[in-house]
C-alpha atoms as a PDB file:
ATOM      1  CA  MET A   1      16.835  -4.059  -5.366  1.00  0.00           C
ATOM      2  CA  LYS A   2      15.926  -4.628  -1.719  1.00  0.00           C
ATOM      3  CA  GLU A   3      14.599  -2.429   1.026  1.00  0.00           C
ATOM      4  CA  TYR A   4      15.449  -2.874   4.694  1.00  0.00           C
ATOM      5  CA  ARG A   5      13.783  -2.093   7.994  1.00  0.00           C
ATOM      6  CA  VAL A   6      15.097  -2.284  11.559  1.00  0.00           C
ATOM      7  CA  ALA A   7      12.603  -2.783  14.366  1.00  0.00           C
ATOM      8  CA  GLU A   8      12.946  -3.057  18.135  1.00  0.00           C
ATOM      9  CA  ALA A   9      11.426  -5.739  20.360  1.00  0.00           C
ATOM     10  CA  LYS A  10      11.462  -5.772  24.164  1.00  0.00           C
ATOM     11  CA  ASN A  11      11.839  -9.559  24.532  1.00  0.00           C
ATOM     12  CA  GLY A  12      11.761 -12.854  22.661  1.00  0.00           C
ATOM     13  CA  LYS A  13       7.977 -13.158  22.681  1.00  0.00           C
ATOM     14  CA  ALA A  14       7.566  -9.636  21.271  1.00  0.00           C
ATOM     15  CA  ALA A  15      10.250 -10.378  18.658  1.00  0.00           C
ATOM     16  CA  GLU A  16       8.400 -13.513  17.532  1.00  0.00           C
ATOM     17  CA  LYS A  17       5.131 -11.586  17.190  1.00  0.00           C
ATOM     18  CA  LEU A  18       6.888  -8.829  15.233  1.00  0.00           C
ATOM     19  CA  MET A  19       8.591 -11.330  12.911  1.00  0.00           C
ATOM     20  CA  ASN A  20       5.289 -13.067  12.125  1.00  0.00           C
ATOM     21  CA  GLU A  21       3.535  -9.754  11.432  1.00  0.00           C
ATOM     22  CA  MET A  22       6.329  -8.564   9.129  1.00  0.00           C
ATOM     23  CA  ALA A  23       6.441 -11.934   7.323  1.00  0.00           C
ATOM     24  CA  ARG A  24       2.779 -11.476   6.347  1.00  0.00           C
ATOM     25  CA  ASP A  25       3.872  -8.342   4.466  1.00  0.00           C
ATOM     26  CA  GLY A  26       6.697 -10.137   2.663  1.00  0.00           C
ATOM     27  CA  TRP A  27       9.586  -9.202   4.983  1.00  0.00           C
ATOM     28  CA  GLU A  28      12.305 -11.738   5.864  1.00  0.00           C
ATOM     29  CA  VAL A  29      14.517 -11.614   8.952  1.00  0.00           C
ATOM     30  CA  VAL A  30      18.127 -10.768   8.071  1.00  0.00           C
ATOM     31  CA  SER A  31      19.523 -10.552  11.596  1.00  0.00           C
ATOM     32  CA  VAL A  32      18.633 -10.289  15.262  1.00  0.00           C
ATOM     33  CA  THR A  33      20.951  -8.366  17.586  1.00  0.00           C
ATOM     34  CA  TYR A  34      20.854  -8.276  21.371  1.00  0.00           C
ATOM     35  CA  TRP A  35      21.337  -4.619  22.285  1.00  0.00           C
ATOM     36  CA  SER A  36      22.277  -3.576  25.815  1.00  0.00           C
ATOM     37  CA  TYR A  37      24.146  -0.305  25.437  1.00  0.00           C
ATOM     38  CA  TRP A  38      21.769   2.280  26.947  1.00  0.00           C
ATOM     39  CA  LYS A  39      18.729  -0.024  27.077  1.00  0.00           C
ATOM     40  CA  THR A  40      18.156  -3.727  26.645  1.00  0.00           C
ATOM     41  CA  CYS A  41      16.220  -4.876  23.582  1.00  0.00           C
ATOM     42  CA  LEU A  42      16.385  -6.996  20.450  1.00  0.00           C
ATOM     43  CA  LEU A  43      16.998  -5.246  17.143  1.00  0.00           C
ATOM     44  CA  VAL A  44      15.497  -7.200  14.260  1.00  0.00           C
ATOM     45  CA  THR A  45      16.580  -6.357  10.715  1.00  0.00           C
ATOM     46  CA  PHE A  46      14.190  -7.242   7.883  1.00  0.00           C
ATOM     47  CA  ALA A  47      14.588  -7.208   4.093  1.00  0.00           C
ATOM     48  CA  ARG A  48      12.262  -7.622   1.142  1.00  0.00           C
ATOM     49  CA  LYS A  49      12.415  -7.103  -2.575  1.00  0.00           C
ATOM     50  CA  LYS A  50      11.157  -3.723  -3.703  1.00  0.00           C
ATOM     51  CA  THR A  51       8.223  -4.003  -6.048  1.00  0.00           C
ATOM     52  CA  GLU A  52       8.278  -2.346  -9.461  1.00  0.00           C
ATOM     53  CA  ASN A  53       5.267  -0.288  -8.394  1.00  0.00           C
ATOM     54  CA  TYR A  54       7.242   1.058  -5.436  1.00  0.00           C
ATOM     55  CA  LEU A  55      10.180   1.985  -7.671  1.00  0.00           C
ATOM     56  CA  THR A  56       7.937   3.833 -10.130  1.00  0.00           C
ATOM     57  CA  GLU A  57       6.291   5.820  -7.325  1.00  0.00           C
ATOM     58  CA  ARG A  58       9.678   6.559  -5.732  1.00  0.00           C
ATOM     59  CA  ARG A  59      11.096   7.918  -9.004  1.00  0.00           C
ATOM     60  CA  LYS A  60       8.090  10.232  -9.379  1.00  0.00           C
ATOM     61  CA  SER A  61       8.495  11.627  -5.866  1.00  0.00           C
ATOM     62  CA  VAL A  62      12.235  12.259  -6.346  1.00  0.00           C
ATOM     63  CA  SER A  63      11.791  14.065  -9.697  1.00  0.00           C
END
């Protein structure tokens, strides 16, 4: 099972910094979208495999 996160970056340099920071925590870039609807930014989608420890803790909190 995977978990996903979407983050916003103001420009290419900020996106690169964000991607490197997230990679250190095991996240991989899934997509980058240029968004210019009500404001201009880059939306970066990340994914990583959920750890068994996370799943155990999640089940406890849902019960």
